[in-house]
Amino acid sequence: MEKLIHFKPSLITKYFFPNDVGWPIQINHGRCFMWALYCHEIFDGTILCSNLCHAFIKHGNRYYDAEFLRGVEDWHELTATHYIPSAITFHSLDGFKQEWDKNPQNYGMSWKEMTDFAQCVLPILREEIGRLRSIAHHN
């Protein structure tokens, strides 16, 4: 299914992590790789990134994670990257899965289940973005 062009990372938290909407640090403490993967699966133009302790995405010239939904210009500004200072790695999807290898198992999921879940939610997000754009257009 075709990815969304209109980038709205808050929808990832809302639909994939509804219990953590008010507390995004919970996502970044262990499930950051999931948040990044879902963003990559849903939105066109995203690049999967990580350092040794945190997964996040790049879209355009900004970096995003669950805590920084408006993005930052320098990935060092992402709080969760401070735990283990290291260099950034830009990943292909396969490279990202290798880097974060067994993490999905810690949450009772597989990479395939996560990707399938994203594909199931994609039409719902497409509809919500359409609604939001329609409301903005009429105002």
N, C-alpha and C. Protein backbone atom coordinates (compact mmCIF):
# COMPACT_ATOMS: atom_id res chain seq x y z
N MET A 1 0.85 -1.18 0.00
CA MET A 1 0.00 0.00 0.00
C MET A 1 0.89 1.25 0.00
N GLU A 2 0.46 2.25 -0.69
CA GLU A 2 1.23 3.49 -0.81
C GLU A 2 1.31 4.24 0.52
N LYS A 3 2.51 4.69 0.85
CA LYS A 3 2.72 5.43 2.09
C LYS A 3 2.10 6.82 2.01
N LEU A 4 1.90 7.42 3.18
CA LEU A 4 1.33 8.76 3.26
C LEU A 4 2.39 9.81 2.95
N ILE A 5 2.01 10.83 2.22
CA ILE A 5 2.92 11.92 1.89
C ILE A 5 2.86 13.00 2.96
N HIS A 6 1.68 13.27 3.50
CA HIS A 6 1.51 14.29 4.53
C HIS A 6 2.08 13.76 5.84
N PHE A 7 3.18 14.32 6.31
CA PHE A 7 3.91 13.84 7.48
C PHE A 7 3.31 14.39 8.76
N LYS A 8 2.81 13.51 9.61
CA LYS A 8 2.22 13.91 10.89
C LYS A 8 2.58 12.83 11.93
N PRO A 9 3.79 12.91 12.51
CA PRO A 9 4.26 11.84 13.39
C PRO A 9 3.44 11.65 14.67
N SER A 10 2.67 12.64 15.07
CA SER A 10 1.83 12.47 16.27
C SER A 10 0.82 11.34 16.07
N LEU A 11 0.47 11.06 14.82
CA LEU A 11 -0.48 9.97 14.56
C LEU A 11 0.11 8.60 14.91
N ILE A 12 1.43 8.47 14.83
CA ILE A 12 2.06 7.20 15.20
C ILE A 12 1.83 6.94 16.68
N THR A 13 2.08 7.94 17.50
CA THR A 13 1.86 7.78 18.93
C THR A 13 0.38 7.54 19.22
N LYS A 14 -0.49 8.30 18.60
CA LYS A 14 -1.94 8.19 18.84
C LYS A 14 -2.48 6.81 18.50
N TYR A 15 -2.08 6.25 17.37
CA TYR A 15 -2.67 4.99 16.92
C TYR A 15 -1.89 3.74 17.31
N PHE A 16 -0.58 3.85 17.49
CA PHE A 16 0.21 2.67 17.82
C PHE A 16 0.56 2.58 19.30
N PHE A 17 0.52 3.72 20.00
CA PHE A 17 0.87 3.77 21.42
C PHE A 17 -0.16 4.60 22.19
N PRO A 18 -1.43 4.26 22.09
CA PRO A 18 -2.47 5.12 22.68
C PRO A 18 -2.34 5.30 24.19
N ASN A 19 -1.79 4.34 24.89
CA ASN A 19 -1.65 4.46 26.35
C ASN A 19 -0.51 5.39 26.74
N ASP A 20 0.32 5.78 25.78
CA ASP A 20 1.48 6.61 26.07
C ASP A 20 1.40 8.01 25.44
N VAL A 21 0.23 8.41 24.98
CA VAL A 21 0.07 9.70 24.32
C VAL A 21 0.57 10.84 25.21
N GLY A 22 0.29 10.81 26.47
CA GLY A 22 0.71 11.87 27.37
C GLY A 22 2.09 11.67 27.98
N TRP A 23 2.72 10.55 27.66
CA TRP A 23 3.99 10.24 28.29
C TRP A 23 4.92 9.57 27.28
N PRO A 24 5.38 10.31 26.28
CA PRO A 24 6.17 9.73 25.19
C PRO A 24 7.52 9.16 25.61
N ILE A 25 8.03 9.58 26.77
CA ILE A 25 9.31 9.03 27.23
C ILE A 25 9.20 7.52 27.44
N GLN A 26 8.00 7.05 27.75
CA GLN A 26 7.77 5.61 27.90
C GLN A 26 8.06 4.87 26.60
N ILE A 27 7.72 5.48 25.49
CA ILE A 27 7.99 4.86 24.19
C ILE A 27 9.49 4.85 23.94
N ASN A 28 10.14 5.96 24.22
CA ASN A 28 11.57 6.06 23.96
C ASN A 28 12.42 5.18 24.87
N HIS A 29 11.87 4.70 25.95
CA HIS A 29 12.60 3.80 26.84
C HIS A 29 12.28 2.35 26.51
N GLY A 30 12.72 1.91 25.35
CA GLY A 30 12.59 0.50 24.98
C GLY A 30 11.85 0.24 23.69
N ARG A 31 10.89 1.08 23.35
CA ARG A 31 10.11 0.83 22.14
C ARG A 31 10.36 1.86 21.05
N CYS A 32 11.46 2.59 21.16
CA CYS A 32 11.79 3.59 20.15
C CYS A 32 11.95 2.97 18.76
N PHE A 33 12.47 1.74 18.71
CA PHE A 33 12.63 1.06 17.42
C PHE A 33 11.27 0.80 16.78
N MET A 34 10.25 0.54 17.59
CA MET A 34 8.90 0.31 17.07
C MET A 34 8.34 1.61 16.51
N TRP A 35 8.49 2.70 17.28
CA TRP A 35 7.98 4.00 16.84
C TRP A 35 8.63 4.38 15.52
N ALA A 36 9.94 4.21 15.42
CA ALA A 36 10.67 4.55 14.19
C ALA A 36 10.21 3.68 13.02
N LEU A 37 10.06 2.38 13.26
CA LEU A 37 9.61 1.48 12.19
C LEU A 37 8.22 1.86 11.72
N TYR A 38 7.30 2.10 12.65
CA TYR A 38 5.94 2.47 12.24
C TYR A 38 5.94 3.77 11.43
N CYS A 39 6.73 4.73 11.86
CA CYS A 39 6.85 5.99 11.09
C CYS A 39 7.33 5.69 9.67
N HIS A 40 8.34 4.86 9.58
CA HIS A 40 8.92 4.53 8.27
C HIS A 40 7.92 3.77 7.40
N GLU A 41 7.14 2.91 8.00
CA GLU A 41 6.16 2.12 7.24
C GLU A 41 4.97 2.97 6.79
N ILE A 42 4.65 4.01 7.54
CA ILE A 42 3.46 4.82 7.26
C ILE A 42 3.76 6.02 6.36
N PHE A 43 4.86 6.72 6.62
CA PHE A 43 5.12 7.99 5.93
C PHE A 43 6.23 7.87 4.89
N ASP A 44 5.96 8.42 3.73
CA ASP A 44 6.94 8.49 2.66
C ASP A 44 8.04 9.49 3.02
N GLY A 45 9.24 9.22 2.57
CA GLY A 45 10.34 10.16 2.76
C GLY A 45 11.03 10.09 4.10
N THR A 46 10.80 9.04 4.87
CA THR A 46 11.47 8.91 6.16
C THR A 46 12.71 8.04 6.02
N ILE A 47 13.70 8.33 6.84
CA ILE A 47 14.93 7.55 6.89
C ILE A 47 15.07 7.02 8.31
N LEU A 48 15.29 5.74 8.44
CA LEU A 48 15.51 5.12 9.74
C LEU A 48 16.91 5.46 10.23
N CYS A 49 17.02 5.88 11.48
CA CYS A 49 18.31 6.28 12.06
C CYS A 49 18.45 5.65 13.45
N SER A 50 19.69 5.56 13.90
CA SER A 50 19.93 5.17 15.28
C SER A 50 21.34 5.54 15.69
N ASN A 51 21.53 5.60 17.00
CA ASN A 51 22.86 5.56 17.57
C ASN A 51 22.86 4.30 18.42
N LEU A 52 23.80 4.09 19.26
CA LEU A 52 23.88 2.81 19.98
C LEU A 52 22.71 2.54 20.92
N CYS A 53 21.98 3.59 21.31
CA CYS A 53 20.94 3.38 22.32
C CYS A 53 19.55 3.85 21.91
N HIS A 54 19.40 4.44 20.73
CA HIS A 54 18.10 5.03 20.40
C HIS A 54 17.83 4.95 18.90
N ALA A 55 16.60 4.62 18.57
CA ALA A 55 16.15 4.61 17.17
C ALA A 55 15.23 5.80 16.96
N PHE A 56 15.34 6.43 15.79
CA PHE A 56 14.55 7.61 15.47
C PHE A 56 14.51 7.73 13.96
N ILE A 57 13.85 8.74 13.46
CA ILE A 57 13.76 8.91 12.01
C ILE A 57 14.20 10.30 11.60
N LYS A 58 14.52 10.39 10.33
CA LYS A 58 14.80 11.69 9.71
C LYS A 58 13.75 11.88 8.62
N HIS A 59 13.19 13.07 8.58
CA HIS A 59 12.25 13.43 7.52
C HIS A 59 12.60 14.85 7.10
N GLY A 60 12.90 15.03 5.85
CA GLY A 60 13.38 16.33 5.40
C GLY A 60 14.71 16.62 6.07
N ASN A 61 14.82 17.78 6.67
CA ASN A 61 16.07 18.13 7.34
C ASN A 61 15.94 18.09 8.87
N ARG A 62 14.95 17.33 9.37
CA ARG A 62 14.72 17.27 10.81
C ARG A 62 14.69 15.82 11.29
N TYR A 63 14.98 15.65 12.58
CA TYR A 63 14.99 14.34 13.23
C TYR A 63 13.84 14.26 14.22
N TYR A 64 13.20 13.10 14.31
CA TYR A 64 12.00 12.92 15.11
C TYR A 64 12.08 11.65 15.94
N ASP A 65 11.47 11.70 17.11
CA ASP A 65 11.19 10.52 17.90
C ASP A 65 9.89 10.78 18.65
N ALA A 66 9.51 9.89 19.53
CA ALA A 66 8.22 10.01 20.22
C ALA A 66 8.13 11.27 21.09
N GLU A 67 9.26 11.77 21.58
CA GLU A 67 9.26 12.97 22.41
C GLU A 67 9.31 14.26 21.59
N PHE A 68 9.88 14.19 20.40
CA PHE A 68 10.08 15.39 19.58
C PHE A 68 9.29 15.28 18.28
N LEU A 69 7.98 15.44 18.41
CA LEU A 69 7.08 15.28 17.26
C LEU A 69 7.16 16.45 16.28
N ARG A 70 7.74 17.55 16.69
CA ARG A 70 7.97 18.68 15.78
C ARG A 70 9.36 18.62 15.16
N GLY A 71 10.15 17.67 15.63
CA GLY A 71 11.48 17.47 15.08
C GLY A 71 12.50 18.46 15.59
N VAL A 72 13.75 18.11 15.40
CA VAL A 72 14.89 18.96 15.75
C VAL A 72 15.86 18.95 14.57
N GLU A 73 16.63 20.02 14.44
CA GLU A 73 17.55 20.11 13.31
C GLU A 73 18.79 19.25 13.50
N ASP A 74 19.22 19.05 14.74
CA ASP A 74 20.41 18.27 15.05
C ASP A 74 19.98 17.07 15.89
N TRP A 75 20.31 15.87 15.44
CA TRP A 75 19.86 14.67 16.15
C TRP A 75 20.38 14.61 17.58
N HIS A 76 21.47 15.30 17.88
CA HIS A 76 21.99 15.34 19.25
C HIS A 76 21.00 15.99 20.22
N GLU A 77 20.04 16.74 19.68
CA GLU A 77 19.03 17.38 20.53
C GLU A 77 17.97 16.40 21.02
N LEU A 78 17.92 15.22 20.44
CA LEU A 78 16.97 14.20 20.90
C LEU A 78 17.48 13.66 22.24
N THR A 79 16.73 13.87 23.29
CA THR A 79 17.16 13.52 24.65
C THR A 79 17.62 12.07 24.77
N ALA A 80 16.91 11.17 24.15
CA ALA A 80 17.22 9.74 24.30
C ALA A 80 18.54 9.33 23.65
N THR A 81 19.14 10.20 22.84
CA THR A 81 20.44 9.86 22.25
C THR A 81 21.58 10.15 23.20
N HIS A 82 21.32 10.73 24.34
CA HIS A 82 22.36 11.15 25.27
C HIS A 82 22.86 10.03 26.16
N TYR A 83 22.15 8.93 26.24
CA TYR A 83 22.51 7.87 27.19
C TYR A 83 23.84 7.21 26.87
N ILE A 84 24.11 6.98 25.61
CA ILE A 84 25.39 6.42 25.17
C ILE A 84 25.85 7.26 23.99
N PRO A 85 26.78 8.17 24.21
CA PRO A 85 27.26 8.99 23.10
C PRO A 85 27.88 8.12 22.00
N SER A 86 27.41 8.31 20.80
CA SER A 86 27.93 7.54 19.66
C SER A 86 27.53 8.24 18.37
N ALA A 87 27.99 7.71 17.28
CA ALA A 87 27.70 8.27 15.97
C ALA A 87 26.32 7.84 15.49
N ILE A 88 25.77 8.58 14.57
CA ILE A 88 24.49 8.24 13.97
C ILE A 88 24.71 7.25 12.82
N THR A 89 23.75 6.35 12.66
CA THR A 89 23.74 5.43 11.53
C THR A 89 22.42 5.62 10.79
N PHE A 90 22.50 5.77 9.47
CA PHE A 90 21.31 5.82 8.62
C PHE A 90 21.11 4.41 8.07
N HIS A 91 19.90 3.88 8.19
CA HIS A 91 19.65 2.48 7.87
C HIS A 91 18.71 2.29 6.68
N SER A 92 18.97 1.24 5.92
CA SER A 92 17.95 0.67 5.06
C SER A 92 17.01 -0.10 6.00
N LEU A 93 15.88 -0.52 5.52
CA LEU A 93 14.96 -1.29 6.36
C LEU A 93 15.63 -2.57 6.85
N ASP A 94 16.31 -3.27 5.96
CA ASP A 94 16.99 -4.51 6.36
C ASP A 94 18.10 -4.23 7.37
N GLY A 95 18.85 -3.16 7.16
CA GLY A 95 19.92 -2.80 8.09
C GLY A 95 19.36 -2.44 9.47
N PHE A 96 18.22 -1.76 9.49
CA PHE A 96 17.57 -1.40 10.74
C PHE A 96 17.15 -2.67 11.49
N LYS A 97 16.57 -3.60 10.77
CA LYS A 97 16.13 -4.85 11.41
C LYS A 97 17.32 -5.62 11.96
N GLN A 98 18.43 -5.60 11.27
CA GLN A 98 19.64 -6.26 11.78
C GLN A 98 20.15 -5.57 13.04
N GLU A 99 20.17 -4.25 13.01
CA GLU A 99 20.67 -3.48 14.16
C GLU A 99 19.83 -3.73 15.42
N TRP A 100 18.51 -3.78 15.24
CA TRP A 100 17.59 -3.94 16.38
C TRP A 100 17.07 -5.36 16.48
N ASP A 101 17.75 -6.25 15.85
CA ASP A 101 17.51 -7.67 15.70
C ASP A 101 16.41 -8.30 16.56
N LYS A 102 16.67 -8.57 17.79
CA LYS A 102 15.76 -9.35 18.63
C LYS A 102 14.80 -8.50 19.46
N ASN A 103 14.87 -7.19 19.33
CA ASN A 103 14.02 -6.33 20.15
C ASN A 103 12.53 -6.62 20.03
N PRO A 104 11.98 -6.89 18.84
CA PRO A 104 10.54 -7.17 18.78
C PRO A 104 10.12 -8.35 19.66
N GLN A 105 11.00 -9.34 19.80
CA GLN A 105 10.68 -10.50 20.62
C GLN A 105 10.46 -10.11 22.08
N ASN A 106 11.15 -9.06 22.52
CA ASN A 106 10.98 -8.60 23.90
C ASN A 106 9.55 -8.10 24.16
N TYR A 107 8.83 -7.80 23.09
CA TYR A 107 7.45 -7.30 23.21
C TYR A 107 6.45 -8.28 22.60
N GLY A 108 6.88 -9.52 22.42
CA GLY A 108 5.99 -10.56 21.92
C GLY A 108 5.58 -10.38 20.47
N MET A 109 6.43 -9.73 19.67
CA MET A 109 6.11 -9.47 18.27
C MET A 109 7.27 -9.89 17.38
N SER A 110 6.98 -9.98 16.11
CA SER A 110 8.01 -10.20 15.10
C SER A 110 8.05 -8.98 14.19
N TRP A 111 9.10 -8.85 13.41
CA TRP A 111 9.16 -7.76 12.44
C TRP A 111 7.99 -7.82 11.48
N LYS A 112 7.63 -9.02 11.04
CA LYS A 112 6.51 -9.19 10.11
C LYS A 112 5.20 -8.73 10.75
N GLU A 113 4.98 -9.10 12.00
CA GLU A 113 3.75 -8.67 12.68
C GLU A 113 3.69 -7.15 12.80
N MET A 114 4.82 -6.53 13.09
CA MET A 114 4.84 -5.07 13.19
C MET A 114 4.54 -4.43 11.84
N THR A 115 5.14 -4.95 10.78
CA THR A 115 4.90 -4.41 9.44
C THR A 115 3.45 -4.63 9.02
N ASP A 116 2.92 -5.81 9.28
CA ASP A 116 1.52 -6.11 8.96
C ASP A 116 0.57 -5.18 9.72
N PHE A 117 0.88 -4.94 10.99
CA PHE A 117 0.06 -4.05 11.80
C PHE A 117 0.05 -2.64 11.20
N ALA A 118 1.23 -2.17 10.80
CA ALA A 118 1.32 -0.84 10.17
C ALA A 118 0.47 -0.78 8.91
N GLN A 119 0.49 -1.83 8.11
CA GLN A 119 -0.30 -1.86 6.88
C GLN A 119 -1.80 -1.87 7.18
N CYS A 120 -2.20 -2.48 8.28
CA CYS A 120 -3.62 -2.47 8.67
C CYS A 120 -4.08 -1.09 9.14
N VAL A 121 -3.20 -0.36 9.80
CA VAL A 121 -3.54 0.96 10.34
C VAL A 121 -3.45 2.04 9.27
N LEU A 122 -2.64 1.82 8.25
CA LEU A 122 -2.42 2.83 7.20
C LEU A 122 -3.71 3.40 6.60
N PRO A 123 -4.70 2.61 6.23
CA PRO A 123 -5.93 3.20 5.68
C PRO A 123 -6.67 4.10 6.67
N ILE A 124 -6.61 3.76 7.95
CA ILE A 124 -7.25 4.58 8.98
C ILE A 124 -6.54 5.93 9.06
N LEU A 125 -5.22 5.91 9.02
CA LEU A 125 -4.45 7.16 9.08
C LEU A 125 -4.67 8.00 7.83
N ARG A 126 -4.76 7.33 6.68
CA ARG A 126 -5.03 8.05 5.43
C ARG A 126 -6.36 8.80 5.54
N GLU A 127 -7.36 8.15 6.10
CA GLU A 127 -8.67 8.77 6.27
C GLU A 127 -8.60 9.94 7.26
N GLU A 128 -7.89 9.76 8.37
CA GLU A 128 -7.79 10.84 9.36
C GLU A 128 -7.07 12.05 8.78
N ILE A 129 -5.99 11.83 8.07
CA ILE A 129 -5.27 12.95 7.46
C ILE A 129 -6.17 13.67 6.45
N GLY A 130 -6.94 12.91 5.69
CA GLY A 130 -7.89 13.52 4.76
C GLY A 130 -8.89 14.40 5.48
N ARG A 131 -9.41 13.92 6.61
CA ARG A 131 -10.35 14.69 7.42
C ARG A 131 -9.70 15.96 7.95
N LEU A 132 -8.48 15.84 8.49
CA LEU A 132 -7.78 16.98 9.05
C LEU A 132 -7.50 18.04 7.97
N ARG A 133 -7.11 17.59 6.81
CA ARG A 133 -6.83 18.53 5.71
C ARG A 133 -8.11 19.21 5.25
N SER A 134 -9.22 18.47 5.24
CA SER A 134 -10.50 19.03 4.82
C SER A 134 -10.95 20.11 5.80
N ILE A 135 -10.79 19.82 7.10
CA ILE A 135 -11.17 20.79 8.12
C ILE A 135 -10.32 22.05 7.99
N ALA A 136 -9.02 21.87 7.82
CA ALA A 136 -8.10 23.01 7.68
C ALA A 136 -8.43 23.84 6.42
N HIS A 137 -8.82 23.15 5.37
CA HIS A 137 -9.14 23.83 4.12
C HIS A 137 -10.40 24.67 4.25
N HIS A 138 -11.37 24.21 5.04
CA HIS A 138 -12.62 24.93 5.21
C HIS A 138 -12.55 26.07 6.21
N ASN A 139 -11.49 26.10 7.01
CA ASN A 139 -11.34 27.17 8.01
C ASN A 139 -10.65 28.35 7.48
